[in-house]
Structures are given as structure tokens and as C-alpha cells.
Amino acid sequence: MNPDQVAEIARHLLMEAMLLSAPVLIASCLVSVILSLLQTLTSIQDQTLTAVPRLLVVFVAGTLTMPWFLRRLVLYTVHLWTDFHRYLG
């Protein structure tokens, strides 16, 4: 396996990781911004008011995107294993 092939596999792996983590990260960021704005407007500075809703949103987003997440992960793994002969020699 030459360095170009390793770089290609690493690039595909990082792209898949970014795509798979994007829905949960975007949902968490949106909730954080909304809650920060709400805290600023109401002058409430309790940290649990931001942590608990953010955890709930991450859990719900992870649960809702799990079928897509698993399908994409399985397709990536199958693609990697079926093309593995290219990388061996």
C-alpha cells in the first residue's frame, strides 16, 4: 500500500466522520445559540438551563438520525472491504 492510497482512505474516512457527525453538531449548536440568546434576554445565568436541553436535543437528533447513520456506515464499510484488493498489491 503506497502513501497515496493511505491518504485516499484517510480522506474518505474523515469525510464520512464529518458527514455522520454533522446533524448532531448542527442541532446542538442551534439549541446552544437559542438558549444563550434566551438567557441573555432574561438575565438568567444558570448553567443547567443550557446543559439539559442540549443533552436532550443531542439524544433526540442521534436517535432520529440513527437509521441514516448506520446505513451510511455499513455502506462505507462494505465499499472499503469490496475494494480492499486494490490496496493490497
PDB file of N, CA and C in Angstrom:
ATOM      1  N   MET A   1       0.850  -1.161   0.000  1.00  0.00           N
ATOM      2  CA  MET A   1       0.000   0.000   0.000  1.00  0.00           C
ATOM      3  C   MET A   1       0.907   1.240   0.000  1.00  0.00           C
ATOM      4  N   ASN A   2       0.716   2.088  -0.970  1.00  0.00           N
ATOM      5  CA  ASN A   2       1.571   3.278  -1.058  1.00  0.00           C
ATOM      6  C   ASN A   2       0.937   4.463  -0.313  1.00  0.00           C
ATOM      7  N   PRO A   3       1.700   5.512  -0.100  1.00  0.00           N
ATOM      8  CA  PRO A   3       1.194   6.657   0.675  1.00  0.00           C
ATOM      9  C   PRO A   3      -0.031   7.337   0.054  1.00  0.00           C
ATOM     10  N   ASP A   4      -0.141   7.322  -1.258  1.00  0.00           N
ATOM     11  CA  ASP A   4      -1.308   7.929  -1.899  1.00  0.00           C
ATOM     12  C   ASP A   4      -2.591   7.177  -1.548  1.00  0.00           C
ATOM     13  N   GLN A   5      -2.513   5.869  -1.499  1.00  0.00           N
ATOM     14  CA  GLN A   5      -3.688   5.074  -1.146  1.00  0.00           C
ATOM     15  C   GLN A   5      -4.070   5.275   0.318  1.00  0.00           C
ATOM     16  N   VAL A   6      -3.077   5.377   1.182  1.00  0.00           N
ATOM     17  CA  VAL A   6      -3.359   5.633   2.597  1.00  0.00           C
ATOM     18  C   VAL A   6      -4.026   6.995   2.759  1.00  0.00           C
ATOM     19  N   ALA A   7      -3.522   7.984   2.025  1.00  0.00           N
ATOM     20  CA  ALA A   7      -4.114   9.317   2.091  1.00  0.00           C
ATOM     21  C   ALA A   7      -5.546   9.307   1.562  1.00  0.00           C
ATOM     22  N   GLU A   8      -5.805   8.528   0.531  1.00  0.00           N
ATOM     23  CA  GLU A   8      -7.163   8.435  -0.023  1.00  0.00           C
ATOM     24  C   GLU A   8      -8.115   7.795   0.982  1.00  0.00           C
ATOM     25  N   ILE A   9      -7.685   6.721   1.626  1.00  0.00           N
ATOM     26  CA  ILE A   9      -8.529   6.068   2.635  1.00  0.00           C
ATOM     27  C   ILE A   9      -8.779   7.020   3.803  1.00  0.00           C
ATOM     28  N   ALA A  10      -7.748   7.708   4.247  1.00  0.00           N
ATOM     29  CA  ALA A  10      -7.898   8.650   5.359  1.00  0.00           C
ATOM     30  C   ALA A  10      -8.830   9.800   4.985  1.00  0.00           C
ATOM     31  N   ARG A  11      -8.734  10.272   3.749  1.00  0.00           N
ATOM     32  CA  ARG A  11      -9.612  11.359   3.301  1.00  0.00           C
ATOM     33  C   ARG A  11     -11.069  10.917   3.290  1.00  0.00           C
ATOM     34  N   HIS A  12     -11.323   9.707   2.780  1.00  0.00           N
ATOM     35  CA  HIS A  12     -12.692   9.186   2.768  1.00  0.00           C
ATOM     36  C   HIS A  12     -13.211   8.968   4.197  1.00  0.00           C
ATOM     37  N   LEU A  13     -12.342   8.496   5.064  1.00  0.00           N
ATOM     38  CA  LEU A  13     -12.742   8.271   6.447  1.00  0.00           C
ATOM     39  C   LEU A  13     -13.107   9.578   7.141  1.00  0.00           C
ATOM     40  N   LEU A  14     -12.298  10.611   6.958  1.00  0.00           N
ATOM     41  CA  LEU A  14     -12.587  11.902   7.574  1.00  0.00           C
ATOM     42  C   LEU A  14     -13.843  12.542   6.996  1.00  0.00           C
ATOM     43  N   MET A  15     -14.073  12.363   5.706  1.00  0.00           N
ATOM     44  CA  MET A  15     -15.290  12.894   5.088  1.00  0.00           C
ATOM     45  C   MET A  15     -16.531  12.213   5.662  1.00  0.00           C
ATOM     46  N   GLU A  16     -16.463  10.898   5.822  1.00  0.00           N
ATOM     47  CA  GLU A  16     -17.592  10.177   6.411  1.00  0.00           C
ATOM     48  C   GLU A  16     -17.816  10.608   7.860  1.00  0.00           C
ATOM     49  N   ALA A  17     -16.746  10.794   8.606  1.00  0.00           N
ATOM     50  CA  ALA A  17     -16.875  11.224  10.004  1.00  0.00           C
ATOM     51  C   ALA A  17     -17.529  12.595  10.088  1.00  0.00           C
ATOM     52  N   MET A  18     -17.149  13.502   9.201  1.00  0.00           N
ATOM     53  CA  MET A  18     -17.771  14.829   9.204  1.00  0.00           C
ATOM     54  C   MET A  18     -19.243  14.754   8.826  1.00  0.00           C
ATOM     55  N   LEU A  19     -19.577  13.950   7.825  1.00  0.00           N
ATOM     56  CA  LEU A  19     -20.970  13.836   7.410  1.00  0.00           C
ATOM     57  C   LEU A  19     -21.829  13.183   8.489  1.00  0.00           C
ATOM     58  N   LEU A  20     -21.271  12.189   9.172  1.00  0.00           N
ATOM     59  CA  LEU A  20     -22.051  11.491  10.186  1.00  0.00           C
ATOM     60  C   LEU A  20     -22.245  12.323  11.451  1.00  0.00           C
ATOM     61  N   SER A  21     -21.293  13.164  11.770  1.00  0.00           N
ATOM     62  CA  SER A  21     -21.423  13.963  12.982  1.00  0.00           C
ATOM     63  C   SER A  21     -22.167  15.284  12.750  1.00  0.00           C
ATOM     64  N   ALA A  22     -22.355  15.672  11.522  1.00  0.00           N
ATOM     65  CA  ALA A  22     -22.955  16.972  11.206  1.00  0.00           C
ATOM     66  C   ALA A  22     -24.363  17.173  11.764  1.00  0.00           C
ATOM     67  N   PRO A  23     -25.305  16.235  11.628  1.00  0.00           N
ATOM     68  CA  PRO A  23     -26.664  16.517  12.136  1.00  0.00           C
ATOM     69  C   PRO A  23     -26.709  16.779  13.634  1.00  0.00           C
ATOM     70  N   VAL A  24     -25.972  16.005  14.401  1.00  0.00           N
ATOM     71  CA  VAL A  24     -25.988  16.179  15.851  1.00  0.00           C
ATOM     72  C   VAL A  24     -25.292  17.484  16.235  1.00  0.00           C
ATOM     73  N   LEU A  25     -24.185  17.785  15.586  1.00  0.00           N
ATOM     74  CA  LEU A  25     -23.470  19.020  15.898  1.00  0.00           C
ATOM     75  C   LEU A  25     -24.268  20.255  15.516  1.00  0.00           C
ATOM     76  N   ILE A  26     -24.926  20.220  14.380  1.00  0.00           N
ATOM     77  CA  ILE A  26     -25.732  21.368  13.956  1.00  0.00           C
ATOM     78  C   ILE A  26     -26.903  21.587  14.908  1.00  0.00           C
ATOM     79  N   ALA A  27     -27.574  20.502  15.295  1.00  0.00           N
ATOM     80  CA  ALA A  27     -28.695  20.625  16.233  1.00  0.00           C
ATOM     81  C   ALA A  27     -28.221  21.174  17.571  1.00  0.00           C
ATOM     82  N   SER A  28     -27.094  20.686  18.048  1.00  0.00           N
ATOM     83  CA  SER A  28     -26.554  21.165  19.320  1.00  0.00           C
ATOM     84  C   SER A  28     -26.167  22.637  19.255  1.00  0.00           C
ATOM     85  N   CYS A  29     -25.554  23.036  18.161  1.00  0.00           N
ATOM     86  CA  CYS A  29     -25.166  24.450  18.006  1.00  0.00           C
ATOM     87  C   CYS A  29     -26.380  25.357  17.934  1.00  0.00           C
ATOM     88  N   LEU A  30     -27.402  24.956  17.201  1.00  0.00           N
ATOM     89  CA  LEU A  30     -28.609  25.775  17.111  1.00  0.00           C
ATOM     90  C   LEU A  30     -29.285  25.944  18.467  1.00  0.00           C
ATOM     91  N   VAL A  31     -29.389  24.856  19.211  1.00  0.00           N
ATOM     92  CA  VAL A  31     -30.004  24.940  20.537  1.00  0.00           C
ATOM     93  C   VAL A  31     -29.159  25.804  21.454  1.00  0.00           C
ATOM     94  N   SER A  32     -27.846  25.682  21.372  1.00  0.00           N
ATOM     95  CA  SER A  32     -26.963  26.499  22.216  1.00  0.00           C
ATOM     96  C   SER A  32     -27.128  27.978  21.927  1.00  0.00           C
ATOM     97  N   VAL A  33     -27.211  28.337  20.654  1.00  0.00           N
ATOM     98  CA  VAL A  33     -27.387  29.744  20.294  1.00  0.00           C
ATOM     99  C   VAL A  33     -28.736  30.265  20.780  1.00  0.00           C
ATOM    100  N   ILE A  34     -29.773  29.487  20.585  1.00  0.00           N
ATOM    101  CA  ILE A  34     -31.109  29.919  21.014  1.00  0.00           C
ATOM    102  C   ILE A  34     -31.168  30.064  22.531  1.00  0.00           C
ATOM    103  N   LEU A  35     -30.601  29.094  23.250  1.00  0.00           N
ATOM    104  CA  LEU A  35     -30.625  29.176  24.706  1.00  0.00           C
ATOM    105  C   LEU A  35     -29.747  30.310  25.234  1.00  0.00           C
ATOM    106  N   SER A  36     -28.638  30.564  24.599  1.00  0.00           N
ATOM    107  CA  SER A  36     -27.784  31.680  25.007  1.00  0.00           C
ATOM    108  C   SER A  36     -28.492  33.010  24.788  1.00  0.00           C
ATOM    109  N   LEU A  37     -29.173  33.119  23.664  1.00  0.00           N
ATOM    110  CA  LEU A  37     -29.944  34.330  23.397  1.00  0.00           C
ATOM    111  C   LEU A  37     -31.053  34.501  24.426  1.00  0.00           C
ATOM    112  N   LEU A  38     -31.732  33.416  24.748  1.00  0.00           N
ATOM    113  CA  LEU A  38     -32.794  33.459  25.745  1.00  0.00           C
ATOM    114  C   LEU A  38     -32.249  33.833  27.123  1.00  0.00           C
ATOM    115  N   GLN A  39     -31.098  33.283  27.480  1.00  0.00           N
ATOM    116  CA  GLN A  39     -30.501  33.626  28.771  1.00  0.00           C
ATOM    117  C   GLN A  39     -30.059  35.087  28.824  1.00  0.00           C
ATOM    118  N   THR A  40     -29.543  35.568  27.713  1.00  0.00           N
ATOM    119  CA  THR A  40     -29.127  36.966  27.673  1.00  0.00           C
ATOM    120  C   THR A  40     -30.319  37.906  27.796  1.00  0.00           C
ATOM    121  N   LEU A  41     -31.395  37.583  27.138  1.00  0.00           N
ATOM    122  CA  LEU A  41     -32.580  38.439  27.183  1.00  0.00           C
ATOM    123  C   LEU A  41     -33.268  38.422  28.536  1.00  0.00           C
ATOM    124  N   THR A  42     -33.222  37.291  29.232  1.00  0.00           N
ATOM    125  CA  THR A  42     -33.922  37.194  30.515  1.00  0.00           C
ATOM    126  C   THR A  42     -32.988  37.358  31.712  1.00  0.00           C
ATOM    127  N   SER A  43     -31.689  37.492  31.495  1.00  0.00           N
ATOM    128  CA  SER A  43     -30.680  37.653  32.553  1.00  0.00           C
ATOM    129  C   SER A  43     -30.641  36.480  33.527  1.00  0.00           C
ATOM    130  N   ILE A  44     -30.988  35.301  33.052  1.00  0.00           N
ATOM    131  CA  ILE A  44     -30.872  34.089  33.865  1.00  0.00           C
ATOM    132  C   ILE A  44     -29.545  33.432  33.511  1.00  0.00           C
ATOM    133  N   GLN A  45     -28.688  33.210  34.495  1.00  0.00           N
ATOM    134  CA  GLN A  45     -27.355  32.682  34.227  1.00  0.00           C
ATOM    135  C   GLN A  45     -27.131  31.326  34.886  1.00  0.00           C
ATOM    136  N   ASP A  46     -28.082  30.433  34.794  1.00  0.00           N
ATOM    137  CA  ASP A  46     -27.946  29.107  35.366  1.00  0.00           C
ATOM    138  C   ASP A  46     -27.432  28.150  34.292  1.00  0.00           C
ATOM    139  N   GLN A  47     -26.358  27.429  34.574  1.00  0.00           N
ATOM    140  CA  GLN A  47     -25.735  26.562  33.574  1.00  0.00           C
ATOM    141  C   GLN A  47     -26.568  25.319  33.263  1.00  0.00           C
ATOM    142  N   THR A  48     -27.366  24.867  34.221  1.00  0.00           N
ATOM    143  CA  THR A  48     -28.176  23.680  33.959  1.00  0.00           C
ATOM    144  C   THR A  48     -29.277  23.962  32.950  1.00  0.00           C
ATOM    145  N   LEU A  49     -29.656  25.226  32.805  1.00  0.00           N
ATOM    146  CA  LEU A  49     -30.681  25.557  31.817  1.00  0.00           C
ATOM    147  C   LEU A  49     -30.186  25.355  30.391  1.00  0.00           C
ATOM    148  N   THR A  50     -28.895  25.386  30.179  1.00  0.00           N
ATOM    149  CA  THR A  50     -28.370  25.139  28.835  1.00  0.00           C
ATOM    150  C   THR A  50     -27.924  23.697  28.651  1.00  0.00           C
ATOM    151  N   ALA A  51     -27.454  23.071  29.701  1.00  0.00           N
ATOM    152  CA  ALA A  51     -26.904  21.717  29.567  1.00  0.00           C
ATOM    153  C   ALA A  51     -27.991  20.674  29.320  1.00  0.00           C
ATOM    154  N   VAL A  52     -29.062  20.733  30.084  1.00  0.00           N
ATOM    155  CA  VAL A  52     -30.104  19.714  29.983  1.00  0.00           C
ATOM    156  C   VAL A  52     -30.813  19.747  28.627  1.00  0.00           C
ATOM    157  N   PRO A  53     -31.272  20.898  28.128  1.00  0.00           N
ATOM    158  CA  PRO A  53     -31.899  20.891  26.800  1.00  0.00           C
ATOM    159  C   PRO A  53     -30.937  20.471  25.684  1.00  0.00           C
ATOM    160  N   ARG A  54     -29.678  20.876  25.810  1.00  0.00           N
ATOM    161  CA  ARG A  54     -28.698  20.489  24.796  1.00  0.00           C
ATOM    162  C   ARG A  54     -28.498  18.971  24.781  1.00  0.00           C
ATOM    163  N   LEU A  55     -28.415  18.365  25.953  1.00  0.00           N
ATOM    164  CA  LEU A  55     -28.290  16.903  26.027  1.00  0.00           C
ATOM    165  C   LEU A  55     -29.514  16.207  25.444  1.00  0.00           C
ATOM    166  N   LEU A  56     -30.689  16.750  25.732  1.00  0.00           N
ATOM    167  CA  LEU A  56     -31.915  16.164  25.177  1.00  0.00           C
ATOM    168  C   LEU A  56     -31.949  16.278  23.652  1.00  0.00           C
ATOM    169  N   VAL A  57     -31.541  17.429  23.132  1.00  0.00           N
ATOM    170  CA  VAL A  57     -31.534  17.618  21.676  1.00  0.00           C
ATOM    171  C   VAL A  57     -30.514  16.693  21.021  1.00  0.00           C
ATOM    172  N   VAL A  58     -29.359  16.525  21.627  1.00  0.00           N
ATOM    173  CA  VAL A  58     -28.352  15.613  21.079  1.00  0.00           C
ATOM    174  C   VAL A  58     -28.881  14.181  21.089  1.00  0.00           C
ATOM    175  N   PHE A  59     -29.544  13.796  22.161  1.00  0.00           N
ATOM    176  CA  PHE A  59     -30.117  12.450  22.230  1.00  0.00           C
ATOM    177  C   PHE A  59     -31.191  12.244  21.168  1.00  0.00           C
ATOM    178  N   VAL A  60     -32.085  13.215  21.018  1.00  0.00           N
ATOM    179  CA  VAL A  60     -33.167  13.095  20.034  1.00  0.00           C
ATOM    180  C   VAL A  60     -32.601  13.102  18.610  1.00  0.00           C
ATOM    181  N   ALA A  61     -31.659  13.991  18.339  1.00  0.00           N
ATOM    182  CA  ALA A  61     -31.061  14.040  16.999  1.00  0.00           C
ATOM    183  C   ALA A  61     -30.313  12.749  16.698  1.00  0.00           C
ATOM    184  N   GLY A  62     -29.612  12.220  17.677  1.00  0.00           N
ATOM    185  CA  GLY A  62     -28.914  10.955  17.477  1.00  0.00           C
ATOM    186  C   GLY A  62     -29.864   9.804  17.237  1.00  0.00           C
ATOM    187  N   THR A  63     -30.976   9.794  17.960  1.00  0.00           N
ATOM    188  CA  THR A  63     -31.970   8.742  17.791  1.00  0.00           C
ATOM    189  C   THR A  63     -32.656   8.845  16.430  1.00  0.00           C
ATOM    190  N   LEU A  64     -32.984  10.059  16.010  1.00  0.00           N
ATOM    191  CA  LEU A  64     -33.678  10.227  14.731  1.00  0.00           C
ATOM    192  C   LEU A  64     -32.785   9.950  13.530  1.00  0.00           C
ATOM    193  N   THR A  65     -31.504  10.260  13.647  1.00  0.00           N
ATOM    194  CA  THR A  65     -30.601  10.057  12.516  1.00  0.00           C
ATOM    195  C   THR A  65     -29.883   8.711  12.557  1.00  0.00           C
ATOM    196  N   MET A  66     -30.191   7.880  13.553  1.00  0.00           N
ATOM    197  CA  MET A  66     -29.509   6.592  13.681  1.00  0.00           C
ATOM    198  C   MET A  66     -29.697   5.671  12.458  1.00  0.00           C
ATOM    199  N   PRO A  67     -30.893   5.544  11.874  1.00  0.00           N
ATOM    200  CA  PRO A  67     -31.003   4.680  10.688  1.00  0.00           C
ATOM    201  C   PRO A  67     -30.127   5.174   9.527  1.00  0.00           C
ATOM    202  N   TRP A  68     -30.138   6.469   9.297  1.00  0.00           N
ATOM    203  CA  TRP A  68     -29.288   7.029   8.239  1.00  0.00           C
ATOM    204  C   TRP A  68     -27.820   6.830   8.570  1.00  0.00           C
ATOM    205  N   PHE A  69     -27.466   7.065   9.826  1.00  0.00           N
ATOM    206  CA  PHE A  69     -26.103   6.908  10.312  1.00  0.00           C
ATOM    207  C   PHE A  69     -25.614   5.487  10.085  1.00  0.00           C
ATOM    208  N   LEU A  70     -26.401   4.505  10.498  1.00  0.00           N
ATOM    209  CA  LEU A  70     -25.991   3.107  10.355  1.00  0.00           C
ATOM    210  C   LEU A  70     -25.927   2.675   8.890  1.00  0.00           C
ATOM    211  N   ARG A  71     -26.901   3.123   8.081  1.00  0.00           N
ATOM    212  CA  ARG A  71     -26.895   2.773   6.665  1.00  0.00           C
ATOM    213  C   ARG A  71     -25.642   3.324   5.983  1.00  0.00           C
ATOM    214  N   ARG A  72     -25.313   4.553   6.291  1.00  0.00           N
ATOM    215  CA  ARG A  72     -24.129   5.175   5.689  1.00  0.00           C
ATOM    216  C   ARG A  72     -22.843   4.487   6.156  1.00  0.00           C
ATOM    217  N   LEU A  73     -22.788   4.131   7.426  1.00  0.00           N
ATOM    218  CA  LEU A  73     -21.622   3.449   7.974  1.00  0.00           C
ATOM    219  C   LEU A  73     -21.455   2.060   7.378  1.00  0.00           C
ATOM    220  N   VAL A  74     -22.554   1.336   7.202  1.00  0.00           N
ATOM    221  CA  VAL A  74     -22.488  -0.001   6.593  1.00  0.00           C
ATOM    222  C   VAL A  74     -22.070   0.096   5.132  1.00  0.00           C
ATOM    223  N   LEU A  75     -22.617   1.066   4.404  1.00  0.00           N
ATOM    224  CA  LEU A  75     -22.223   1.237   3.002  1.00  0.00           C
ATOM    225  C   LEU A  75     -20.746   1.585   2.865  1.00  0.00           C
ATOM    226  N   TYR A  76     -20.244   2.422   3.757  1.00  0.00           N
ATOM    227  CA  TYR A  76     -18.814   2.765   3.732  1.00  0.00           C
ATOM    228  C   TYR A  76     -17.961   1.532   4.014  1.00  0.00           C
ATOM    229  N   THR A  77     -18.357   0.734   4.999  1.00  0.00           N
ATOM    230  CA  THR A  77     -17.590  -0.459   5.346  1.00  0.00           C
ATOM    231  C   THR A  77     -17.620  -1.483   4.219  1.00  0.00           C
ATOM    232  N   VAL A  78     -18.782  -1.690   3.624  1.00  0.00           N
ATOM    233  CA  VAL A  78     -18.887  -2.633   2.508  1.00  0.00           C
ATOM    234  C   VAL A  78     -18.048  -2.147   1.334  1.00  0.00           C
ATOM    235  N   HIS A  79     -18.102  -0.867   1.055  1.00  0.00           N
ATOM    236  CA  HIS A  79     -17.305  -0.310  -0.038  1.00  0.00           C
ATOM    237  C   HIS A  79     -15.813  -0.487   0.240  1.00  0.00           C
ATOM    238  N   LEU A  80     -15.406  -0.277   1.468  1.00  0.00           N
ATOM    239  CA  LEU A  80     -13.995  -0.429   1.832  1.00  0.00           C
ATOM    240  C   LEU A  80     -13.546  -1.880   1.692  1.00  0.00           C
ATOM    241  N   TRP A  81     -14.371  -2.812   2.144  1.00  0.00           N
ATOM    242  CA  TRP A  81     -13.995  -4.223   2.056  1.00  0.00           C
ATOM    243  C   TRP A  81     -14.048  -4.759   0.631  1.00  0.00           C
ATOM    244  N   THR A  82     -14.982  -4.289  -0.194  1.00  0.00           N
ATOM    245  CA  THR A  82     -15.046  -4.794  -1.566  1.00  0.00           C
ATOM    246  C   THR A  82     -13.916  -4.252  -2.430  1.00  0.00           C
ATOM    247  N   ASP A  83     -13.408  -3.073  -2.108  1.00  0.00           N
ATOM    248  CA  ASP A  83     -12.290  -2.507  -2.863  1.00  0.00           C
ATOM    249  C   ASP A  83     -10.938  -2.713  -2.182  1.00  0.00           C
ATOM    250  N   PHE A  84     -10.920  -3.585  -1.193  1.00  0.00           N
ATOM    251  CA  PHE A  84      -9.691  -3.784  -0.421  1.00  0.00           C
ATOM    252  C   PHE A  84      -8.584  -4.413  -1.265  1.00  0.00           C
ATOM    253  N   HIS A  85      -8.958  -5.164  -2.309  1.00  0.00           N
ATOM    254  CA  HIS A  85      -7.957  -5.806  -3.154  1.00  0.00           C
ATOM    255  C   HIS A  85      -7.086  -4.776  -3.883  1.00  0.00           C
ATOM    256  N   ARG A  86      -7.628  -3.569  -4.096  1.00  0.00           N
ATOM    257  CA  ARG A  86      -6.836  -2.518  -4.750  1.00  0.00           C
ATOM    258  C   ARG A  86      -5.675  -2.070  -3.879  1.00  0.00           C
ATOM    259  N   TYR A  87      -5.872  -2.142  -2.575  1.00  0.00           N
ATOM    260  CA  TYR A  87      -4.873  -1.622  -1.662  1.00  0.00           C
ATOM    261  C   TYR A  87      -3.819  -2.657  -1.267  1.00  0.00           C
ATOM    262  N   LEU A  88      -4.045  -3.905  -1.570  1.00  0.00           N
ATOM    263  CA  LEU A  88      -3.103  -4.942  -1.151  1.00  0.00           C
ATOM    264  C   LEU A  88      -1.931  -5.118  -2.115  1.00  0.00           C
ATOM    265  N   GLY A  89      -2.138  -4.884  -3.340  1.00  0.00           N
ATOM    266  CA  GLY A  89      -0.995  -5.135  -4.193  1.00  0.00           C
ATOM    267  C   GLY A  89      -1.177  -4.625  -5.533  1.00  0.00           C
TER     268      GLY A  89
END
